[in-house]
Amino acid sequence: MIAHIKAWNSEYKSWRGGHYSLGLLDPSCKKGRLLDAGCGGGRYTLPLRMRGFDVVALDVSLNALRMAGKRSADRGLDTEFLAANIYEMPFQDASFDIIWCYGVLQHLMLKERELAIRECRRILKKEGLLFIEVLGEDDMRYGGIEVEHNTFSRKSGVIYHYFNKNELNELLKGFSFNTAESRAEKRFNGEYYIRHMISAVAKKL
């Protein structure tokens, strides 16, 4: 397994909770089969399942899957968990109505990101929806050891890529899509920093 992918097993030695938002998900959205692609510890898996979606949760980290599985079982939620990379997914064509991919593409190299989007297009049904959120290049966390353009490696071995809107638009060619950016001020030790996020909702044509 590639080192920056393998590094995620160490990242999930303990649960990382925190804020989640399903703001892009219209409440009237059809409650079909949904893939949480890169589910981590279940931050989105659980609320999506509680919303009534038939959720399959996929992640490369076995530690993350065990964590998410336990949290799901503790709440009596019937959720399927599977270990795999999002750029090599073991599903048949047109298997899902929705793919939820938040905070995942930013941890892949360029070719992996391209393959991941190709896989998402393959396994989505016609007019299926792909929800994405990634880090933007104005984000306060930008930096590290550069391994590709706007892509950095940290001490943990995990990769961080910082997108711009045009880049995400290019990646989503072949879909009908809308992208949006948000920049929020965060204060640390008396200093103000920017958290820059880019999101997209894409429909398979």
N, C-alpha and C. Protein backbone atom coordinates (compact mmCIF):
# COMPACT_ATOMS: atom_id res chain seq x y z
N MET A 1 0.84 -1.20 0.00
CA MET A 1 0.00 0.00 0.00
C MET A 1 0.88 1.25 0.00
N ILE A 2 0.50 2.28 -0.75
CA ILE A 2 1.26 3.51 -0.84
C ILE A 2 1.35 4.17 0.54
N ALA A 3 2.54 4.72 0.85
CA ALA A 3 2.83 5.20 2.21
C ALA A 3 1.83 6.24 2.69
N HIS A 4 1.46 7.22 1.84
CA HIS A 4 0.56 8.28 2.32
C HIS A 4 -0.86 7.78 2.52
N ILE A 5 -1.22 6.65 1.91
CA ILE A 5 -2.51 6.03 2.17
C ILE A 5 -2.44 5.19 3.45
N LYS A 6 -1.36 4.44 3.58
CA LYS A 6 -1.16 3.61 4.77
C LYS A 6 -1.12 4.44 6.04
N ALA A 7 -0.65 5.70 5.94
CA ALA A 7 -0.51 6.57 7.11
C ALA A 7 -1.82 6.81 7.83
N TRP A 8 -2.95 6.62 7.15
CA TRP A 8 -4.24 6.90 7.77
C TRP A 8 -4.59 5.92 8.88
N ASN A 9 -4.00 4.74 8.87
CA ASN A 9 -4.30 3.80 9.95
C ASN A 9 -3.79 4.33 11.28
N SER A 10 -2.64 5.02 11.25
CA SER A 10 -2.11 5.62 12.47
C SER A 10 -2.91 6.85 12.88
N GLU A 11 -3.45 7.57 11.90
CA GLU A 11 -4.23 8.77 12.20
C GLU A 11 -5.48 8.43 13.01
N TYR A 12 -6.00 7.22 12.85
CA TYR A 12 -7.25 6.85 13.51
C TYR A 12 -7.05 5.88 14.66
N LYS A 13 -6.02 6.12 15.45
CA LYS A 13 -5.84 5.32 16.66
C LYS A 13 -6.83 5.73 17.75
N SER A 14 -7.37 6.94 17.63
CA SER A 14 -8.39 7.41 18.57
C SER A 14 -9.46 8.16 17.79
N TRP A 15 -10.67 8.22 18.33
CA TRP A 15 -11.79 8.89 17.65
C TRP A 15 -11.56 10.39 17.53
N ARG A 16 -11.80 10.90 16.35
CA ARG A 16 -11.77 12.34 16.12
C ARG A 16 -13.18 12.77 15.78
N GLY A 17 -13.84 13.34 16.72
CA GLY A 17 -15.20 13.81 16.49
C GLY A 17 -15.17 15.20 15.88
N GLY A 18 -16.13 16.00 16.25
CA GLY A 18 -16.09 17.37 15.77
C GLY A 18 -17.29 17.72 14.93
N HIS A 19 -17.25 18.92 14.39
CA HIS A 19 -18.37 19.47 13.65
C HIS A 19 -18.56 18.77 12.31
N TYR A 20 -19.80 18.56 11.94
CA TYR A 20 -20.12 18.10 10.60
C TYR A 20 -21.27 18.95 10.10
N SER A 21 -21.38 19.06 8.79
CA SER A 21 -22.49 19.82 8.22
C SER A 21 -23.02 19.07 7.00
N LEU A 22 -24.34 18.90 6.96
CA LEU A 22 -25.00 18.33 5.80
C LEU A 22 -25.73 19.42 5.04
N GLY A 23 -25.21 20.65 5.15
CA GLY A 23 -25.88 21.81 4.61
C GLY A 23 -26.17 21.74 3.12
N LEU A 24 -25.29 21.07 2.34
CA LEU A 24 -25.50 21.00 0.90
C LEU A 24 -26.57 19.99 0.51
N LEU A 25 -26.96 19.16 1.47
CA LEU A 25 -27.91 18.09 1.20
C LEU A 25 -29.34 18.59 1.38
N ASP A 26 -30.04 18.76 0.28
CA ASP A 26 -31.42 19.22 0.32
C ASP A 26 -32.27 18.20 1.10
N PRO A 27 -33.07 18.66 2.08
CA PRO A 27 -33.91 17.74 2.86
C PRO A 27 -34.83 16.89 2.00
N SER A 28 -35.16 17.38 0.81
CA SER A 28 -36.07 16.64 -0.08
C SER A 28 -35.33 15.63 -0.95
N CYS A 29 -34.00 15.53 -0.78
CA CYS A 29 -33.19 14.62 -1.60
C CYS A 29 -33.68 13.19 -1.43
N LYS A 30 -33.80 12.48 -2.55
CA LYS A 30 -34.28 11.10 -2.54
C LYS A 30 -33.41 10.23 -1.63
N LYS A 31 -34.06 9.47 -0.74
CA LYS A 31 -33.34 8.64 0.23
C LYS A 31 -32.94 7.31 -0.40
N GLY A 32 -31.96 7.34 -1.28
CA GLY A 32 -31.52 6.14 -1.96
C GLY A 32 -30.26 5.55 -1.35
N ARG A 33 -29.54 4.76 -2.15
CA ARG A 33 -28.30 4.13 -1.70
C ARG A 33 -27.17 5.15 -1.77
N LEU A 34 -26.49 5.33 -0.66
CA LEU A 34 -25.48 6.38 -0.54
C LEU A 34 -24.14 5.79 -0.12
N LEU A 35 -23.07 6.20 -0.81
CA LEU A 35 -21.71 5.81 -0.44
C LEU A 35 -21.03 6.96 0.28
N ASP A 36 -20.60 6.71 1.52
CA ASP A 36 -19.75 7.67 2.23
C ASP A 36 -18.31 7.28 1.89
N ALA A 37 -17.75 7.95 0.89
CA ALA A 37 -16.45 7.60 0.32
C ALA A 37 -15.33 8.27 1.12
N GLY A 38 -14.66 7.48 1.95
CA GLY A 38 -13.66 8.03 2.87
C GLY A 38 -14.35 8.42 4.16
N CYS A 39 -14.98 7.45 4.81
CA CYS A 39 -15.88 7.74 5.94
C CYS A 39 -15.15 8.09 7.23
N GLY A 40 -13.86 7.74 7.35
CA GLY A 40 -13.15 8.00 8.60
C GLY A 40 -13.86 7.33 9.76
N GLY A 41 -13.95 8.05 10.88
CA GLY A 41 -14.58 7.50 12.07
C GLY A 41 -16.08 7.60 12.10
N GLY A 42 -16.70 8.00 10.99
CA GLY A 42 -18.16 8.01 10.90
C GLY A 42 -18.80 9.37 11.12
N ARG A 43 -18.01 10.44 11.01
CA ARG A 43 -18.54 11.78 11.26
C ARG A 43 -19.77 12.09 10.42
N TYR A 44 -19.77 11.66 9.16
CA TYR A 44 -20.92 11.88 8.29
C TYR A 44 -21.78 10.63 8.15
N THR A 45 -21.14 9.46 8.29
CA THR A 45 -21.86 8.19 8.12
C THR A 45 -23.09 8.13 9.02
N LEU A 46 -22.90 8.43 10.29
CA LEU A 46 -23.99 8.29 11.26
C LEU A 46 -25.15 9.24 10.98
N PRO A 47 -24.90 10.56 10.82
CA PRO A 47 -26.04 11.44 10.54
C PRO A 47 -26.70 11.16 9.21
N LEU A 48 -25.94 10.71 8.22
CA LEU A 48 -26.55 10.36 6.94
C LEU A 48 -27.47 9.14 7.08
N ARG A 49 -27.02 8.16 7.86
CA ARG A 49 -27.87 6.98 8.10
C ARG A 49 -29.11 7.37 8.88
N MET A 50 -28.95 8.27 9.85
CA MET A 50 -30.10 8.71 10.65
C MET A 50 -31.07 9.55 9.82
N ARG A 51 -30.57 10.12 8.72
CA ARG A 51 -31.46 10.85 7.81
C ARG A 51 -32.29 9.90 6.95
N GLY A 52 -31.98 8.61 6.98
CA GLY A 52 -32.78 7.65 6.24
C GLY A 52 -32.13 7.10 4.99
N PHE A 53 -30.86 7.45 4.72
CA PHE A 53 -30.17 6.91 3.56
C PHE A 53 -29.67 5.49 3.83
N ASP A 54 -29.65 4.68 2.79
CA ASP A 54 -29.08 3.33 2.85
C ASP A 54 -27.58 3.48 2.63
N VAL A 55 -26.81 3.55 3.72
CA VAL A 55 -25.42 3.98 3.66
C VAL A 55 -24.46 2.80 3.60
N VAL A 56 -23.53 2.89 2.64
CA VAL A 56 -22.34 2.05 2.61
C VAL A 56 -21.16 2.97 2.91
N ALA A 57 -20.37 2.63 3.91
CA ALA A 57 -19.26 3.49 4.34
C ALA A 57 -17.93 2.81 4.00
N LEU A 58 -17.09 3.52 3.27
CA LEU A 58 -15.83 2.98 2.77
C LEU A 58 -14.67 3.81 3.28
N ASP A 59 -13.60 3.14 3.69
CA ASP A 59 -12.38 3.84 4.10
C ASP A 59 -11.18 2.91 3.95
N VAL A 60 -10.00 3.52 3.79
CA VAL A 60 -8.77 2.74 3.65
C VAL A 60 -8.23 2.29 5.00
N SER A 61 -8.65 2.96 6.09
CA SER A 61 -8.13 2.68 7.42
C SER A 61 -9.01 1.69 8.17
N LEU A 62 -8.44 0.55 8.55
CA LEU A 62 -9.18 -0.43 9.33
C LEU A 62 -9.52 0.12 10.71
N ASN A 63 -8.61 0.92 11.29
CA ASN A 63 -8.88 1.54 12.58
C ASN A 63 -10.10 2.45 12.50
N ALA A 64 -10.18 3.23 11.43
CA ALA A 64 -11.33 4.12 11.24
C ALA A 64 -12.62 3.32 11.09
N LEU A 65 -12.57 2.25 10.33
CA LEU A 65 -13.76 1.44 10.11
C LEU A 65 -14.24 0.77 11.39
N ARG A 66 -13.30 0.29 12.20
CA ARG A 66 -13.69 -0.31 13.49
C ARG A 66 -14.36 0.73 14.39
N MET A 67 -13.79 1.93 14.38
CA MET A 67 -14.33 3.02 15.19
C MET A 67 -15.74 3.40 14.74
N ALA A 68 -15.88 3.60 13.42
CA ALA A 68 -17.18 3.97 12.88
C ALA A 68 -18.20 2.86 13.07
N GLY A 69 -17.76 1.61 12.91
CA GLY A 69 -18.65 0.49 13.09
C GLY A 69 -19.18 0.39 14.50
N LYS A 70 -18.30 0.62 15.48
CA LYS A 70 -18.72 0.56 16.88
C LYS A 70 -19.72 1.67 17.19
N ARG A 71 -19.44 2.87 16.71
CA ARG A 71 -20.34 3.99 16.97
C ARG A 71 -21.70 3.76 16.31
N SER A 72 -21.68 3.17 15.12
CA SER A 72 -22.92 2.86 14.43
C SER A 72 -23.72 1.80 15.19
N ALA A 73 -23.03 0.74 15.63
CA ALA A 73 -23.69 -0.34 16.37
C ALA A 73 -24.25 0.16 17.70
N ASP A 74 -23.51 1.03 18.38
CA ASP A 74 -23.96 1.58 19.66
C ASP A 74 -25.28 2.34 19.52
N ARG A 75 -25.54 2.87 18.33
CA ARG A 75 -26.77 3.62 18.09
C ARG A 75 -27.83 2.77 17.38
N GLY A 76 -27.53 1.49 17.21
CA GLY A 76 -28.50 0.60 16.58
C GLY A 76 -28.71 0.88 15.11
N LEU A 77 -27.68 1.43 14.44
CA LEU A 77 -27.79 1.78 13.03
C LEU A 77 -27.28 0.64 12.15
N ASP A 78 -28.04 0.27 11.15
CA ASP A 78 -27.66 -0.79 10.22
C ASP A 78 -26.88 -0.17 9.07
N THR A 79 -25.55 -0.27 9.14
CA THR A 79 -24.68 0.36 8.15
C THR A 79 -23.64 -0.65 7.67
N GLU A 80 -23.38 -0.64 6.37
CA GLU A 80 -22.37 -1.54 5.80
C GLU A 80 -21.03 -0.82 5.74
N PHE A 81 -19.97 -1.47 6.21
CA PHE A 81 -18.62 -0.89 6.20
C PHE A 81 -17.70 -1.75 5.34
N LEU A 82 -16.80 -1.05 4.62
CA LEU A 82 -15.95 -1.76 3.67
C LEU A 82 -14.58 -1.07 3.59
N ALA A 83 -13.50 -1.87 3.54
CA ALA A 83 -12.15 -1.34 3.42
C ALA A 83 -11.73 -1.31 1.95
N ALA A 84 -11.40 -0.10 1.45
CA ALA A 84 -10.94 0.06 0.06
C ALA A 84 -10.49 1.49 -0.16
N ASN A 85 -9.71 1.69 -1.22
CA ASN A 85 -9.34 3.04 -1.66
C ASN A 85 -10.46 3.62 -2.52
N ILE A 86 -10.63 4.93 -2.48
CA ILE A 86 -11.70 5.52 -3.29
C ILE A 86 -11.33 5.61 -4.77
N TYR A 87 -10.07 5.36 -5.10
CA TYR A 87 -9.72 5.37 -6.53
C TYR A 87 -9.67 3.96 -7.11
N GLU A 88 -10.04 2.96 -6.31
CA GLU A 88 -10.16 1.57 -6.77
C GLU A 88 -11.32 0.92 -6.00
N MET A 89 -12.55 1.29 -6.33
CA MET A 89 -13.69 0.87 -5.51
C MET A 89 -14.33 -0.41 -6.05
N PRO A 90 -14.62 -1.36 -5.16
CA PRO A 90 -15.10 -2.68 -5.58
C PRO A 90 -16.62 -2.74 -5.76
N PHE A 91 -17.15 -1.84 -6.57
CA PHE A 91 -18.59 -1.80 -6.80
C PHE A 91 -18.87 -1.90 -8.29
N GLN A 92 -20.05 -2.44 -8.61
CA GLN A 92 -20.47 -2.50 -10.00
C GLN A 92 -20.84 -1.11 -10.51
N ASP A 93 -20.85 -0.97 -11.81
CA ASP A 93 -21.28 0.29 -12.43
C ASP A 93 -22.69 0.65 -11.97
N ALA A 94 -22.93 1.95 -11.84
CA ALA A 94 -24.28 2.47 -11.51
C ALA A 94 -24.86 1.82 -10.26
N SER A 95 -24.06 1.78 -9.19
CA SER A 95 -24.46 1.13 -7.94
C SER A 95 -25.10 2.07 -6.92
N PHE A 96 -24.87 3.40 -7.06
CA PHE A 96 -25.27 4.33 -6.01
C PHE A 96 -26.07 5.50 -6.57
N ASP A 97 -26.99 5.98 -5.74
CA ASP A 97 -27.75 7.19 -6.06
C ASP A 97 -26.97 8.44 -5.67
N ILE A 98 -26.19 8.34 -4.59
CA ILE A 98 -25.46 9.49 -4.04
C ILE A 98 -24.09 9.03 -3.56
N ILE A 99 -23.08 9.88 -3.78
CA ILE A 99 -21.76 9.68 -3.17
C ILE A 99 -21.43 10.92 -2.34
N TRP A 100 -21.06 10.68 -1.10
CA TRP A 100 -20.66 11.74 -0.17
C TRP A 100 -19.15 11.65 0.03
N CYS A 101 -18.42 12.70 -0.38
CA CYS A 101 -16.96 12.64 -0.38
C CYS A 101 -16.41 13.94 0.23
N TYR A 102 -16.46 14.02 1.54
CA TYR A 102 -16.07 15.24 2.25
C TYR A 102 -14.69 15.07 2.90
N GLY A 103 -13.78 16.01 2.59
CA GLY A 103 -12.47 16.01 3.23
C GLY A 103 -11.61 14.82 2.84
N VAL A 104 -11.77 14.32 1.62
CA VAL A 104 -11.07 13.11 1.19
C VAL A 104 -10.14 13.37 0.01
N LEU A 105 -10.64 14.00 -1.05
CA LEU A 105 -9.82 14.24 -2.25
C LEU A 105 -8.56 15.01 -1.93
N GLN A 106 -8.61 15.85 -0.90
CA GLN A 106 -7.46 16.67 -0.53
C GLN A 106 -6.29 15.84 0.00
N HIS A 107 -6.52 14.57 0.29
CA HIS A 107 -5.47 13.71 0.82
C HIS A 107 -4.90 12.76 -0.23
N LEU A 108 -5.15 13.07 -1.51
CA LEU A 108 -4.68 12.24 -2.61
C LEU A 108 -3.75 13.02 -3.53
N MET A 109 -2.90 12.30 -4.24
CA MET A 109 -2.05 12.89 -5.27
C MET A 109 -2.90 13.12 -6.53
N LEU A 110 -2.36 13.89 -7.47
CA LEU A 110 -3.12 14.29 -8.65
C LEU A 110 -3.74 13.11 -9.39
N LYS A 111 -2.93 12.12 -9.75
CA LYS A 111 -3.45 10.98 -10.51
C LYS A 111 -4.50 10.22 -9.71
N GLU A 112 -4.31 10.15 -8.40
CA GLU A 112 -5.30 9.48 -7.55
C GLU A 112 -6.61 10.25 -7.51
N ARG A 113 -6.54 11.56 -7.48
CA ARG A 113 -7.76 12.38 -7.48
C ARG A 113 -8.53 12.18 -8.78
N GLU A 114 -7.80 12.14 -9.90
CA GLU A 114 -8.44 11.93 -11.19
C GLU A 114 -9.11 10.56 -11.26
N LEU A 115 -8.41 9.54 -10.77
CA LEU A 115 -8.97 8.20 -10.75
C LEU A 115 -10.19 8.11 -9.84
N ALA A 116 -10.13 8.80 -8.70
CA ALA A 116 -11.24 8.79 -7.74
C ALA A 116 -12.51 9.37 -8.36
N ILE A 117 -12.38 10.49 -9.07
CA ILE A 117 -13.54 11.10 -9.71
C ILE A 117 -14.07 10.19 -10.81
N ARG A 118 -13.16 9.56 -11.55
CA ARG A 118 -13.57 8.62 -12.60
C ARG A 118 -14.36 7.45 -11.99
N GLU A 119 -13.90 6.95 -10.85
CA GLU A 119 -14.59 5.87 -10.16
C GLU A 119 -15.97 6.33 -9.67
N CYS A 120 -16.04 7.54 -9.14
CA CYS A 120 -17.33 8.07 -8.68
C CYS A 120 -18.31 8.15 -9.83
N ARG A 121 -17.84 8.60 -10.98
CA ARG A 121 -18.72 8.68 -12.14
C ARG A 121 -19.18 7.28 -12.56
N ARG A 122 -18.28 6.33 -12.50
CA ARG A 122 -18.61 4.96 -12.92
C ARG A 122 -19.69 4.33 -12.04
N ILE A 123 -19.58 4.50 -10.73
CA ILE A 123 -20.48 3.78 -9.83
C ILE A 123 -21.77 4.55 -9.52
N LEU A 124 -21.86 5.80 -9.96
CA LEU A 124 -23.10 6.55 -9.80
C LEU A 124 -24.12 6.14 -10.86
N LYS A 125 -25.38 6.12 -10.46
CA LYS A 125 -26.45 5.93 -11.43
C LYS A 125 -26.63 7.20 -12.25
N LYS A 126 -27.30 7.11 -13.37
CA LYS A 126 -27.59 8.28 -14.18
C LYS A 126 -28.38 9.28 -13.34
N GLU A 127 -27.95 10.53 -13.38
CA GLU A 127 -28.51 11.64 -12.60
C GLU A 127 -28.22 11.48 -11.10
N GLY A 128 -27.31 10.56 -10.75
CA GLY A 128 -26.87 10.46 -9.37
C GLY A 128 -26.06 11.67 -8.96
N LEU A 129 -25.98 11.93 -7.65
CA LEU A 129 -25.35 13.14 -7.13
C LEU A 129 -24.05 12.82 -6.40
N LEU A 130 -23.06 13.67 -6.62
CA LEU A 130 -21.76 13.59 -5.94
C LEU A 130 -21.58 14.86 -5.13
N PHE A 131 -21.40 14.71 -3.81
CA PHE A 131 -21.18 15.85 -2.91
C PHE A 131 -19.71 15.84 -2.48
N ILE A 132 -19.05 16.98 -2.66
CA ILE A 132 -17.61 17.10 -2.38
C ILE A 132 -17.34 18.32 -1.52
N GLU A 133 -16.40 18.18 -0.59
CA GLU A 133 -15.84 19.35 0.09
C GLU A 133 -14.34 19.13 0.24
N VAL A 134 -13.55 20.18 -0.07
CA VAL A 134 -12.09 20.08 -0.01
C VAL A 134 -11.51 21.38 0.58
N LEU A 135 -10.25 21.33 0.95
CA LEU A 135 -9.53 22.52 1.42
C LEU A 135 -9.18 23.42 0.25
N GLY A 136 -9.29 24.74 0.47
CA GLY A 136 -8.89 25.72 -0.53
C GLY A 136 -7.48 26.22 -0.28
N GLU A 137 -6.84 26.78 -1.32
CA GLU A 137 -5.43 27.15 -1.23
C GLU A 137 -5.18 28.39 -0.36
N ASP A 138 -6.22 29.08 0.06
CA ASP A 138 -6.04 30.21 0.99
C ASP A 138 -6.18 29.77 2.45
N ASP A 139 -6.31 28.48 2.67
CA ASP A 139 -6.54 27.98 4.02
C ASP A 139 -5.31 28.19 4.91
N MET A 140 -5.57 28.41 6.20
CA MET A 140 -4.52 28.71 7.17
C MET A 140 -3.54 27.55 7.34
N ARG A 141 -3.96 26.34 6.95
CA ARG A 141 -3.09 25.17 7.13
C ARG A 141 -2.17 24.92 5.95
N TYR A 142 -2.24 25.76 4.93
CA TYR A 142 -1.45 25.59 3.72
C TYR A 142 0.04 25.55 4.05
N GLY A 143 0.73 24.54 3.50
CA GLY A 143 2.17 24.47 3.68
C GLY A 143 2.64 23.10 4.12
N GLY A 144 3.95 22.93 4.17
CA GLY A 144 4.58 21.67 4.51
C GLY A 144 5.67 21.35 3.52
N ILE A 145 5.96 20.09 3.34
CA ILE A 145 6.96 19.66 2.36
C ILE A 145 6.22 19.41 1.04
N GLU A 146 6.49 20.26 0.04
CA GLU A 146 5.73 20.18 -1.21
C GLU A 146 6.17 18.98 -2.03
N VAL A 147 5.20 18.14 -2.41
CA VAL A 147 5.49 16.95 -3.21
C VAL A 147 4.88 17.04 -4.61
N GLU A 148 3.87 17.86 -4.76
CA GLU A 148 3.29 18.24 -6.05
C GLU A 148 2.78 19.66 -5.87
N HIS A 149 2.33 20.28 -6.97
CA HIS A 149 1.84 21.65 -6.88
C HIS A 149 0.69 21.74 -5.87
N ASN A 150 0.85 22.62 -4.87
CA ASN A 150 -0.17 22.83 -3.83
C ASN A 150 -0.47 21.57 -3.01
N THR A 151 0.45 20.61 -3.03
CA THR A 151 0.28 19.34 -2.32
C THR A 151 1.47 19.14 -1.39
N PHE A 152 1.17 18.89 -0.11
CA PHE A 152 2.22 18.85 0.90
C PHE A 152 2.14 17.58 1.74
N SER A 153 3.29 17.12 2.17
CA SER A 153 3.37 15.98 3.08
C SER A 153 3.69 16.48 4.47
N ARG A 154 3.04 15.90 5.47
CA ARG A 154 3.30 16.26 6.86
C ARG A 154 4.09 15.15 7.55
N LYS A 155 4.51 15.39 8.78
CA LYS A 155 5.33 14.42 9.50
C LYS A 155 4.67 13.07 9.62
N SER A 156 3.35 13.06 9.72
CA SER A 156 2.60 11.82 9.84
C SER A 156 2.64 10.99 8.57
N GLY A 157 3.03 11.63 7.46
CA GLY A 157 3.01 10.97 6.16
C GLY A 157 1.74 11.24 5.37
N VAL A 158 0.75 11.87 6.01
CA VAL A 158 -0.51 12.19 5.35
C VAL A 158 -0.31 13.35 4.37
N ILE A 159 -0.94 13.24 3.21
CA ILE A 159 -0.86 14.26 2.15
C ILE A 159 -2.00 15.26 2.31
N TYR A 160 -1.69 16.54 2.06
CA TYR A 160 -2.71 17.60 2.04
C TYR A 160 -2.58 18.38 0.74
N HIS A 161 -3.64 18.35 -0.05
CA HIS A 161 -3.68 19.15 -1.27
C HIS A 161 -4.66 20.30 -1.08
N TYR A 162 -4.31 21.48 -1.58
CA TYR A 162 -5.14 22.67 -1.44
C TYR A 162 -5.62 23.10 -2.83
N PHE A 163 -6.93 23.08 -3.00
CA PHE A 163 -7.56 23.32 -4.29
C PHE A 163 -7.82 24.81 -4.54
N ASN A 164 -7.97 25.15 -5.82
CA ASN A 164 -8.66 26.38 -6.19
C ASN A 164 -9.92 25.97 -6.96
N LYS A 165 -10.83 26.91 -7.10
CA LYS A 165 -12.14 26.58 -7.67
C LYS A 165 -12.03 26.08 -9.11
N ASN A 166 -11.14 26.71 -9.89
CA ASN A 166 -10.98 26.29 -11.29
C ASN A 166 -10.50 24.85 -11.39
N GLU A 167 -9.61 24.49 -10.48
CA GLU A 167 -9.08 23.12 -10.47
C GLU A 167 -10.18 22.10 -10.19
N LEU A 168 -11.03 22.39 -9.21
CA LEU A 168 -12.13 21.47 -8.91
C LEU A 168 -13.11 21.40 -10.07
N ASN A 169 -13.38 22.55 -10.70
CA ASN A 169 -14.24 22.58 -11.87
C ASN A 169 -13.69 21.68 -12.98
N GLU A 170 -12.39 21.75 -13.19
CA GLU A 170 -11.74 20.94 -14.23
C GLU A 170 -11.87 19.45 -13.92
N LEU A 171 -11.72 19.12 -12.65
CA LEU A 171 -11.80 17.73 -12.21
C LEU A 171 -13.21 17.16 -12.44
N LEU A 172 -14.22 18.02 -12.39
CA LEU A 172 -15.61 17.58 -12.49
C LEU A 172 -16.18 17.66 -13.91
N LYS A 173 -15.31 17.88 -14.89
CA LYS A 173 -15.78 17.90 -16.28
C LYS A 173 -16.44 16.56 -16.60
N GLY A 174 -17.56 16.63 -17.29
CA GLY A 174 -18.33 15.43 -17.57
C GLY A 174 -19.54 15.30 -16.66
N PHE A 175 -19.56 16.10 -15.58
CA PHE A 175 -20.72 16.21 -14.70
C PHE A 175 -21.40 17.55 -14.96
N SER A 176 -22.65 17.66 -14.58
CA SER A 176 -23.30 18.96 -14.39
C SER A 176 -23.07 19.34 -12.93
N PHE A 177 -22.49 20.50 -12.66
CA PHE A 177 -22.09 20.78 -11.28
C PHE A 177 -22.17 22.26 -10.93
N ASN A 178 -22.22 22.51 -9.62
CA ASN A 178 -22.09 23.84 -9.05
C ASN A 178 -21.02 23.79 -7.97
N THR A 179 -20.11 24.76 -7.97
CA THR A 179 -19.10 24.84 -6.92
C THR A 179 -19.26 26.14 -6.15
N ALA A 180 -18.85 26.12 -4.90
CA ALA A 180 -18.95 27.31 -4.05
C ALA A 180 -17.76 27.34 -3.10
N GLU A 181 -17.39 28.55 -2.68
CA GLU A 181 -16.28 28.72 -1.75
C GLU A 181 -16.76 29.39 -0.47
N SER A 182 -16.08 29.08 0.62
CA SER A 182 -16.34 29.78 1.88
C SER A 182 -15.02 30.11 2.54
N ARG A 183 -14.94 31.30 3.10
CA ARG A 183 -13.76 31.72 3.85
C ARG A 183 -14.24 32.25 5.20
N ALA A 184 -13.79 31.60 6.24
CA ALA A 184 -14.21 31.98 7.59
C ALA A 184 -12.99 32.34 8.43
N GLU A 185 -13.11 33.42 9.21
CA GLU A 185 -12.01 33.81 10.10
C GLU A 185 -12.00 32.97 11.36
N LYS A 186 -10.82 32.50 11.73
CA LYS A 186 -10.63 31.76 12.98
C LYS A 186 -9.54 32.48 13.78
N ARG A 187 -9.76 32.56 15.09
CA ARG A 187 -8.80 33.27 15.94
C ARG A 187 -8.04 32.27 16.81
N PHE A 188 -6.71 32.33 16.76
CA PHE A 188 -5.84 31.50 17.57
C PHE A 188 -4.77 32.37 18.21
N ASN A 189 -4.70 32.30 19.54
CA ASN A 189 -3.67 33.07 20.28
C ASN A 189 -3.64 34.54 19.87
N GLY A 190 -4.82 35.11 19.69
CA GLY A 190 -4.92 36.53 19.37
C GLY A 190 -4.72 36.88 17.91
N GLU A 191 -4.41 35.89 17.08
CA GLU A 191 -4.20 36.13 15.64
C GLU A 191 -5.38 35.57 14.85
N TYR A 192 -5.70 36.24 13.74
CA TYR A 192 -6.79 35.80 12.88
C TYR A 192 -6.25 35.04 11.67
N TYR A 193 -6.90 33.93 11.37
CA TYR A 193 -6.52 33.09 10.25
C TYR A 193 -7.76 32.77 9.43
N ILE A 194 -7.53 32.31 8.19
CA ILE A 194 -8.64 31.99 7.29
C ILE A 194 -8.77 30.48 7.12
N ARG A 195 -9.99 30.00 7.25
CA ARG A 195 -10.29 28.63 6.87
C ARG A 195 -11.02 28.68 5.53
N HIS A 196 -10.39 28.14 4.51
CA HIS A 196 -10.91 28.23 3.14
C HIS A 196 -11.37 26.84 2.69
N MET A 197 -12.65 26.73 2.36
CA MET A 197 -13.23 25.47 1.91
C MET A 197 -13.89 25.68 0.55
N ILE A 198 -13.84 24.64 -0.28
CA ILE A 198 -14.53 24.64 -1.57
C ILE A 198 -15.43 23.41 -1.60
N SER A 199 -16.67 23.60 -2.00
CA SER A 199 -17.62 22.50 -2.05
C SER A 199 -18.25 22.42 -3.45
N ALA A 200 -18.79 21.27 -3.75
CA ALA A 200 -19.43 21.07 -5.05
C ALA A 200 -20.55 20.05 -4.92
N VAL A 201 -21.59 20.27 -5.73
CA VAL A 201 -22.64 19.28 -5.93
C VAL A 201 -22.65 18.98 -7.43
N ALA A 202 -22.37 17.73 -7.79
CA ALA A 202 -22.25 17.34 -9.20
C ALA A 202 -23.26 16.25 -9.53
N LYS A 203 -23.85 16.34 -10.71
CA LYS A 203 -24.82 15.35 -11.16
C LYS A 203 -24.25 14.60 -12.37
N LYS A 204 -24.37 13.27 -12.33
CA LYS A 204 -23.94 12.46 -13.48
C LYS A 204 -24.93 12.62 -14.62
N LEU A 205 -24.42 12.95 -15.77
CA LEU A 205 -25.29 13.18 -16.93
C LEU A 205 -25.68 11.86 -17.59
